[in-house]
PDB file of N, CA and C in Angstrom:
ATOM      1  N   UNK A   1      59.131 116.825  64.227  1.00  0.00           N
ATOM      2  CA  UNK A   1      59.941 117.479  64.548  1.00  0.00           C
ATOM      3  C   UNK A   1      60.983 116.657  63.733  1.00  0.00           C
ATOM      4  N   UNK A   2      61.645 117.926  62.363  1.00  0.00           N
ATOM      5  CA  UNK A   2      62.544 117.132  61.516  1.00  0.00           C
ATOM      6  C   UNK A   2      64.081 116.841  61.939  1.00  0.00           C
ATOM      7  N   UNK A   3      64.366 115.809  62.176  1.00  0.00           N
ATOM      8  CA  UNK A   3      65.244 115.398  63.337  1.00  0.00           C
ATOM      9  C   UNK A   3      66.491 115.207  61.161  1.00  0.00           C
ATOM     10  N   UNK A   4      67.647 114.961  62.100  1.00  0.00           N
ATOM     11  CA  UNK A   4      68.173 114.613  61.147  1.00  0.00           C
ATOM     12  C   UNK A   4      68.154 112.533  60.565  1.00  0.00           C
ATOM     13  N   UNK A   5      68.204 112.402  61.444  1.00  0.00           N
ATOM     14  CA  UNK A   5      67.734 110.726  60.555  1.00  0.00           C
ATOM     15  C   UNK A   5      66.192 110.618  59.848  1.00  0.00           C
ATOM     16  N   UNK A   6      65.422 111.628  60.066  1.00  0.00           N
ATOM     17  CA  UNK A   6      64.092 111.577  58.568  1.00  0.00           C
ATOM     18  C   UNK A   6      64.670 112.224  57.900  1.00  0.00           C
ATOM     19  N   UNK A   7      65.619 113.644  57.454  1.00  0.00           N
ATOM     20  CA  UNK A   7      66.985 114.109  56.231  1.00  0.00           C
ATOM     21  C   UNK A   7      67.130 113.182  55.480  1.00  0.00           C
ATOM     22  N   UNK A   8      67.964 111.984  56.304  1.00  0.00           N
ATOM     23  CA  UNK A   8      68.736 111.100  56.095  1.00  0.00           C
ATOM     24  C   UNK A   8      67.883 110.251  55.173  1.00  0.00           C
ATOM     25  N   UNK A   9      67.131 109.265  55.794  1.00  0.00           N
ATOM     26  CA  UNK A   9      66.158 108.607  55.098  1.00  0.00           C
ATOM     27  C   UNK A   9      64.501 108.908  54.038  1.00  0.00           C
ATOM     28  N   UNK A  10      65.336 110.510  54.128  1.00  0.00           N
ATOM     29  CA  UNK A  10      63.784 111.136  52.554  1.00  0.00           C
ATOM     30  C   UNK A  10      64.444 111.400  52.206  1.00  0.00           C
ATOM     31  N   UNK A  11      63.589 110.540  51.048  1.00  0.00           N
ATOM     32  CA  UNK A  11      63.848 110.160  49.518  1.00  0.00           C
ATOM     33  C   UNK A  11      63.977 112.095  48.096  1.00  0.00           C
ATOM     34  N   UNK A  12      64.396 111.691  47.769  1.00  0.00           N
ATOM     35  CA  UNK A  12      64.633 112.347  46.712  1.00  0.00           C
ATOM     36  C   UNK A  12      62.830 112.923  46.096  1.00  0.00           C
ATOM     37  N   UNK A  13      62.808 114.008  46.079  1.00  0.00           N
ATOM     38  CA  UNK A  13      62.411 115.231  45.158  1.00  0.00           C
ATOM     39  C   UNK A  13      60.144 114.479  45.944  1.00  0.00           C
ATOM     40  N   UNK A  14      59.355 115.288  45.706  1.00  0.00           N
ATOM     41  CA  UNK A  14      58.171 114.990  46.674  1.00  0.00           C
ATOM     42  C   UNK A  14      57.516 113.543  46.243  1.00  0.00           C
ATOM     43  N   UNK A  15      56.645 113.843  47.985  1.00  0.00           N
ATOM     44  CA  UNK A  15      55.796 112.598  47.449  1.00  0.00           C
ATOM     45  C   UNK A  15      54.614 112.457  46.162  1.00  0.00           C
ATOM     46  N   UNK A  16      54.245 111.149  45.893  1.00  0.00           N
ATOM     47  CA  UNK A  16      53.182 110.401  44.771  1.00  0.00           C
ATOM     48  C   UNK A  16      52.183 111.639  44.617  1.00  0.00           C
ATOM     49  N   UNK A  17      51.020 111.348  46.352  1.00  0.00           N
ATOM     50  CA  UNK A  17      50.382 112.574  46.731  1.00  0.00           C
ATOM     51  C   UNK A  17      50.404 113.669  46.159  1.00  0.00           C
ATOM     52  N   UNK A  18      51.664 114.499  46.140  1.00  0.00           N
ATOM     53  CA  UNK A  18      51.705 115.474  45.838  1.00  0.00           C
ATOM     54  C   UNK A  18      51.921 115.906  44.379  1.00  0.00           C
ATOM     55  N   UNK A  19      52.696 114.900  43.597  1.00  0.00           N
ATOM     56  CA  UNK A  19      52.390 115.166  42.329  1.00  0.00           C
ATOM     57  C   UNK A  19      51.125 115.180  41.706  1.00  0.00           C
ATOM     58  N   UNK A  20      50.722 114.211  42.337  1.00  0.00           N
ATOM     59  CA  UNK A  20      49.815 114.047  41.616  1.00  0.00           C
ATOM     60  C   UNK A  20      48.424 115.086  42.202  1.00  0.00           C
ATOM     61  N   UNK A  21      48.511 115.669  42.950  1.00  0.00           N
ATOM     62  CA  UNK A  21      47.513 117.034  43.364  1.00  0.00           C
ATOM     63  C   UNK A  21      48.061 118.297  42.543  1.00  0.00           C
ATOM     64  N   UNK A  22      49.815 117.959  42.313  1.00  0.00           N
ATOM     65  CA  UNK A  22      50.279 119.930  41.658  1.00  0.00           C
ATOM     66  C   UNK A  22      50.271 119.481  40.178  1.00  0.00           C
ATOM     67  N   UNK A  23      49.916 118.038  39.139  1.00  0.00           N
ATOM     68  CA  UNK A  23      49.561 117.707  38.002  1.00  0.00           C
ATOM     69  C   UNK A  23      48.295 117.647  38.164  1.00  0.00           C
ATOM     70  N   UNK A  24      47.449 117.227  38.485  1.00  0.00           N
ATOM     71  CA  UNK A  24      46.336 116.305  37.856  1.00  0.00           C
ATOM     72  C   UNK A  24      45.287 117.198  38.543  1.00  0.00           C
ATOM     73  N   UNK A  25      45.162 118.016  39.900  1.00  0.00           N
ATOM     74  CA  UNK A  25      44.194 118.810  40.434  1.00  0.00           C
ATOM     75  C   UNK A  25      44.086 120.102  40.771  1.00  0.00           C
ATOM     76  N   UNK A  26      45.258 120.280  40.724  1.00  0.00           N
ATOM     77  CA  UNK A  26      45.494 121.776  41.014  1.00  0.00           C
ATOM     78  C   UNK A  26      44.925 122.274  39.278  1.00  0.00           C
ATOM     79  N   UNK A  27      45.869 121.734  38.369  1.00  0.00           N
ATOM     80  CA  UNK A  27      45.211 122.489  36.514  1.00  0.00           C
ATOM     81  C   UNK A  27      43.854 121.769  36.388  1.00  0.00           C
ATOM     82  N   UNK A  28      43.277 121.108  37.130  1.00  0.00           N
ATOM     83  CA  UNK A  28      41.799 121.146  36.757  1.00  0.00           C
ATOM     84  C   UNK A  28      41.087 122.017  37.596  1.00  0.00           C
ATOM     85  N   UNK A  29      41.656 122.384  38.735  1.00  0.00           N
ATOM     86  CA  UNK A  29      40.722 123.648  39.273  1.00  0.00           C
ATOM     87  C   UNK A  29      41.035 125.008  38.366  1.00  0.00           C
ATOM     88  N   UNK A  30      41.783 125.093  37.663  1.00  0.00           N
ATOM     89  CA  UNK A  30      42.843 126.352  37.643  1.00  0.00           C
ATOM     90  C   UNK A  30      41.705 126.691  35.945  1.00  0.00           C
ATOM     91  N   UNK A  31      41.746 125.343  35.107  1.00  0.00           N
ATOM     92  CA  UNK A  31      41.316 125.381  34.476  1.00  0.00           C
ATOM     93  C   UNK A  31      39.382 125.143  34.091  1.00  0.00           C
ATOM     94  N   UNK A  32      38.835 124.772  35.525  1.00  0.00           N
ATOM     95  CA  UNK A  32      37.180 124.598  35.909  1.00  0.00           C
ATOM     96  C   UNK A  32      36.907 126.682  36.365  1.00  0.00           C
ATOM     97  N   UNK A  33      37.841 127.226  37.224  1.00  0.00           N
ATOM     98  CA  UNK A  33      37.473 128.538  37.005  1.00  0.00           C
ATOM     99  C   UNK A  33      37.369 129.126  35.971  1.00  0.00           C
ATOM    100  N   UNK A  34      38.788 129.382  35.238  1.00  0.00           N
ATOM    101  CA  UNK A  34      39.096 129.568  33.852  1.00  0.00           C
ATOM    102  C   UNK A  34      37.390 129.636  32.791  1.00  0.00           C
ATOM    103  N   UNK A  35      37.169 128.612  32.906  1.00  0.00           N
ATOM    104  CA  UNK A  35      35.488 128.017  31.734  1.00  0.00           C
ATOM    105  C   UNK A  35      34.261 129.776  32.576  1.00  0.00           C
ATOM    106  N   UNK A  36      34.212 129.586  33.973  1.00  0.00           N
ATOM    107  CA  UNK A  36      33.390 130.108  34.668  1.00  0.00           C
ATOM    108  C   UNK A  36      33.735 131.739  34.767  1.00  0.00           C
ATOM    109  N   UNK A  37      34.812 132.053  34.510  1.00  0.00           N
ATOM    110  CA  UNK A  37      35.695 133.631  34.680  1.00  0.00           C
ATOM    111  C   UNK A  37      34.890 133.322  33.034  1.00  0.00           C
ATOM    112  N   UNK A  38      34.383 132.800  31.084  1.00  0.00           N
ATOM    113  CA  UNK A  38      34.754 132.752  30.366  1.00  0.00           C
ATOM    114  C   UNK A  38      32.855 133.357  30.235  1.00  0.00           C
ATOM    115  N   UNK A  39      32.111 132.276  31.129  1.00  0.00           N
ATOM    116  CA  UNK A  39      30.934 131.837  30.497  1.00  0.00           C
ATOM    117  C   UNK A  39      30.265 133.117  31.645  1.00  0.00           C
ATOM    118  N   UNK A  40      30.689 133.580  32.472  1.00  0.00           N
ATOM    119  CA  UNK A  40      29.922 134.824  33.130  1.00  0.00           C
ATOM    120  C   UNK A  40      30.494 135.526  32.854  1.00  0.00           C
ATOM    121  N   UNK A  41      32.304 136.010  32.111  1.00  0.00           N
ATOM    122  CA  UNK A  41      32.014 137.066  30.644  1.00  0.00           C
ATOM    123  C   UNK A  41      30.755 137.098  29.120  1.00  0.00           C
ATOM    124  N   UNK A  42      30.639 136.133  29.123  1.00  0.00           N
ATOM    125  CA  UNK A  42      29.868 135.682  27.996  1.00  0.00           C
ATOM    126  C   UNK A  42      28.468 136.813  28.297  1.00  0.00           C
ATOM    127  N   UNK A  43      28.106 136.089  29.359  1.00  0.00           N
ATOM    128  CA  UNK A  43      26.667 136.355  30.259  1.00  0.00           C
ATOM    129  C   UNK A  43      26.699 138.085  29.953  1.00  0.00           C
ATOM    130  N   UNK A  44      27.622 138.800  30.950  1.00  0.00           N
ATOM    131  CA  UNK A  44      27.483 140.038  30.875  1.00  0.00           C
ATOM    132  C   UNK A  44      27.927 140.555  30.174  1.00  0.00           C
ATOM    133  N   UNK A  45      28.627 140.673  29.018  1.00  0.00           N
ATOM    134  CA  UNK A  45      28.368 141.147  27.489  1.00  0.00           C
ATOM    135  C   UNK A  45      27.319 140.912  26.590  1.00  0.00           C
ATOM    136  N   UNK A  46      26.128 139.120  27.045  1.00  0.00           N
ATOM    137  CA  UNK A  46      24.952 139.186  25.968  1.00  0.00           C
ATOM    138  C   UNK A  46      23.832 140.537  26.607  1.00  0.00           C
ATOM    139  N   UNK A  47      23.736 140.012  28.077  1.00  0.00           N
ATOM    140  CA  UNK A  47      22.832 140.973  28.652  1.00  0.00           C
ATOM    141  C   UNK A  47      22.774 142.746  28.967  1.00  0.00           C
ATOM    142  N   UNK A  48      24.696 142.621  28.580  1.00  0.00           N
ATOM    143  CA  UNK A  48      25.100 144.376  28.504  1.00  0.00           C
ATOM    144  C   UNK A  48      24.960 144.781  30.364  1.00  0.00           C
ATOM    145  N   UNK A  49      25.413 144.061  31.362  1.00  0.00           N
ATOM    146  CA  UNK A  49      25.546 144.480  32.201  1.00  0.00           C
ATOM    147  C   UNK A  49      26.731 143.866  33.347  1.00  0.00           C
ATOM    148  N   UNK A  50      27.374 144.105  34.005  1.00  0.00           N
ATOM    149  CA  UNK A  50      28.497 144.597  34.448  1.00  0.00           C
ATOM    150  C   UNK A  50      29.028 142.968  34.739  1.00  0.00           C
ATOM    151  N   UNK A  51      30.354 142.750  35.108  1.00  0.00           N
ATOM    152  CA  UNK A  51      30.193 141.349  35.096  1.00  0.00           C
ATOM    153  C   UNK A  51      30.703 140.589  36.618  1.00  0.00           C
ATOM    154  N   UNK A  52      30.389 141.796  37.599  1.00  0.00           N
ATOM    155  CA  UNK A  52      30.087 141.552  38.304  1.00  0.00           C
ATOM    156  C   UNK A  52      28.779 141.220  38.816  1.00  0.00           C
ATOM    157  N   UNK A  53      27.772 142.270  38.004  1.00  0.00           N
ATOM    158  CA  UNK A  53      26.545 141.661  38.218  1.00  0.00           C
ATOM    159  C   UNK A  53      26.523 139.548  37.938  1.00  0.00           C
ATOM    160  N   UNK A  54      27.099 139.448  37.262  1.00  0.00           N
ATOM    161  CA  UNK A  54      26.598 138.455  35.997  1.00  0.00           C
ATOM    162  C   UNK A  54      27.453 137.173  37.561  1.00  0.00           C
ATOM    163  N   UNK A  55      28.660 137.989  38.533  1.00  0.00           N
ATOM    164  CA  UNK A  55      28.980 136.458  39.160  1.00  0.00           C
ATOM    165  C   UNK A  55      28.062 136.395  40.481  1.00  0.00           C
ATOM    166  N   UNK A  56      27.611 137.960  41.281  1.00  0.00           N
ATOM    167  CA  UNK A  56      26.316 137.541  42.102  1.00  0.00           C
ATOM    168  C   UNK A  56      25.388 136.412  41.164  1.00  0.00           C
ATOM    169  N   UNK A  57      24.624 136.587  40.250  1.00  0.00           N
ATOM    170  CA  UNK A  57      23.390 136.012  40.158  1.00  0.00           C
ATOM    171  C   UNK A  57      24.043 134.947  39.799  1.00  0.00           C
ATOM    172  N   UNK A  58      24.971 134.369  39.700  1.00  0.00           N
ATOM    173  CA  UNK A  58      25.423 132.767  39.433  1.00  0.00           C
ATOM    174  C   UNK A  58      25.904 132.299  40.918  1.00  0.00           C
ATOM    175  N   UNK A  59      26.417 133.323  41.800  1.00  0.00           N
ATOM    176  CA  UNK A  59      26.625 132.603  43.148  1.00  0.00           C
ATOM    177  C   UNK A  59      25.055 132.321  44.414  1.00  0.00           C
ATOM    178  N   UNK A  60      24.712 133.603  43.745  1.00  0.00           N
ATOM    179  CA  UNK A  60      22.883 133.817  44.560  1.00  0.00           C
ATOM    180  C   UNK A  60      22.288 132.009  44.712  1.00  0.00           C
ATOM    181  N   UNK A  61      22.682 132.002  42.776  1.00  0.00           N
ATOM    182  CA  UNK A  61      22.041 131.103  42.604  1.00  0.00           C
ATOM    183  C   UNK A  61      21.755 130.010  42.557  1.00  0.00           C
ATOM    184  N   UNK A  62      23.689 129.507  42.879  1.00  0.00           N
ATOM    185  CA  UNK A  62      24.195 128.635  43.440  1.00  0.00           C
ATOM    186  C   UNK A  62      24.060 127.860  44.819  1.00  0.00           C
ATOM    187  N   UNK A  63      23.952 129.166  45.651  1.00  0.00           N
ATOM    188  CA  UNK A  63      23.861 129.438  46.956  1.00  0.00           C
ATOM    189  C   UNK A  63      21.829 128.855  46.436  1.00  0.00           C
ATOM    190  N   UNK A  64      21.111 129.203  46.109  1.00  0.00           N
ATOM    191  CA  UNK A  64      19.287 129.030  46.202  1.00  0.00           C
ATOM    192  C   UNK A  64      19.967 127.005  45.730  1.00  0.00           C
ATOM    193  N   UNK A  65      20.557 126.442  44.841  1.00  0.00           N
ATOM    194  CA  UNK A  65      20.696 125.989  44.866  1.00  0.00           C
ATOM    195  C   UNK A  65      21.305 124.425  45.097  1.00  0.00           C
ATOM    196  N   UNK A  66      22.356 124.925  46.117  1.00  0.00           N
ATOM    197  CA  UNK A  66      22.036 124.323  47.361  1.00  0.00           C
ATOM    198  C   UNK A  66      21.668 124.273  48.518  1.00  0.00           C
ATOM    199  N   UNK A  67      21.029 125.083  48.725  1.00  0.00           N
ATOM    200  CA  UNK A  67      19.960 125.434  50.011  1.00  0.00           C
ATOM    201  C   UNK A  67      18.703 124.471  49.612  1.00  0.00           C
ATOM    202  N   UNK A  68      18.397 123.997  48.933  1.00  0.00           N
ATOM    203  CA  UNK A  68      16.912 123.226  48.307  1.00  0.00           C
ATOM    204  C   UNK A  68      17.655 121.818  47.786  1.00  0.00           C
ATOM    205  N   UNK A  69      18.647 121.517  47.701  1.00  0.00           N
ATOM    206  CA  UNK A  69      19.217 119.996  46.891  1.00  0.00           C
ATOM    207  C   UNK A  69      19.711 119.861  48.028  1.00  0.00           C
ATOM    208  N   UNK A  70      20.526 120.180  50.157  1.00  0.00           N
ATOM    209  CA  UNK A  70      20.829 119.392  50.825  1.00  0.00           C
ATOM    210  C   UNK A  70      19.436 119.374  51.791  1.00  0.00           C
ATOM    211  N   UNK A  71      18.731 117.337  51.914  1.00  0.00           N
ATOM    212  CA  UNK A  71      17.814 117.649  53.364  1.00  0.00           C
ATOM    213  C   UNK A  71      17.864 118.595  53.542  1.00  0.00           C
ATOM    214  N   UNK A  72      17.164 118.328  54.969  1.00  0.00           N
ATOM    215  CA  UNK A  72      16.802 119.663  56.665  1.00  0.00           C
ATOM    216  C   UNK A  72      17.329 118.185  57.473  1.00  0.00           C
ATOM    217  N   UNK A  73      17.695 119.090  58.358  1.00  0.00           N
ATOM    218  CA  UNK A  73      17.411 118.021  59.511  1.00  0.00           C
ATOM    219  C   UNK A  73      16.378 117.961  60.663  1.00  0.00           C
ATOM    220  N   UNK A  74      15.407 117.952  60.673  1.00  0.00           N
ATOM    221  CA  UNK A  74      14.784 118.332  61.684  1.00  0.00           C
ATOM    222  C   UNK A  74      14.431 117.125  62.911  1.00  0.00           C
TER     223      UNK A  74
END
């Protein structure tokens, strides 16, 4: 629970991990998502199919690669 003492001791501004997350990790993830979107759009234009079909093919391929790469536990 946040009480009065905590609020008095709390420093100004966000913590260092939050700043790192907000300024480094989140922008990198957004740039990666934009790059994937651009690639999928180019693939959809090249094969003259709907972008949804390109996305479905990419997700299916990624799932297949993941299933084949992960070792089985027998």
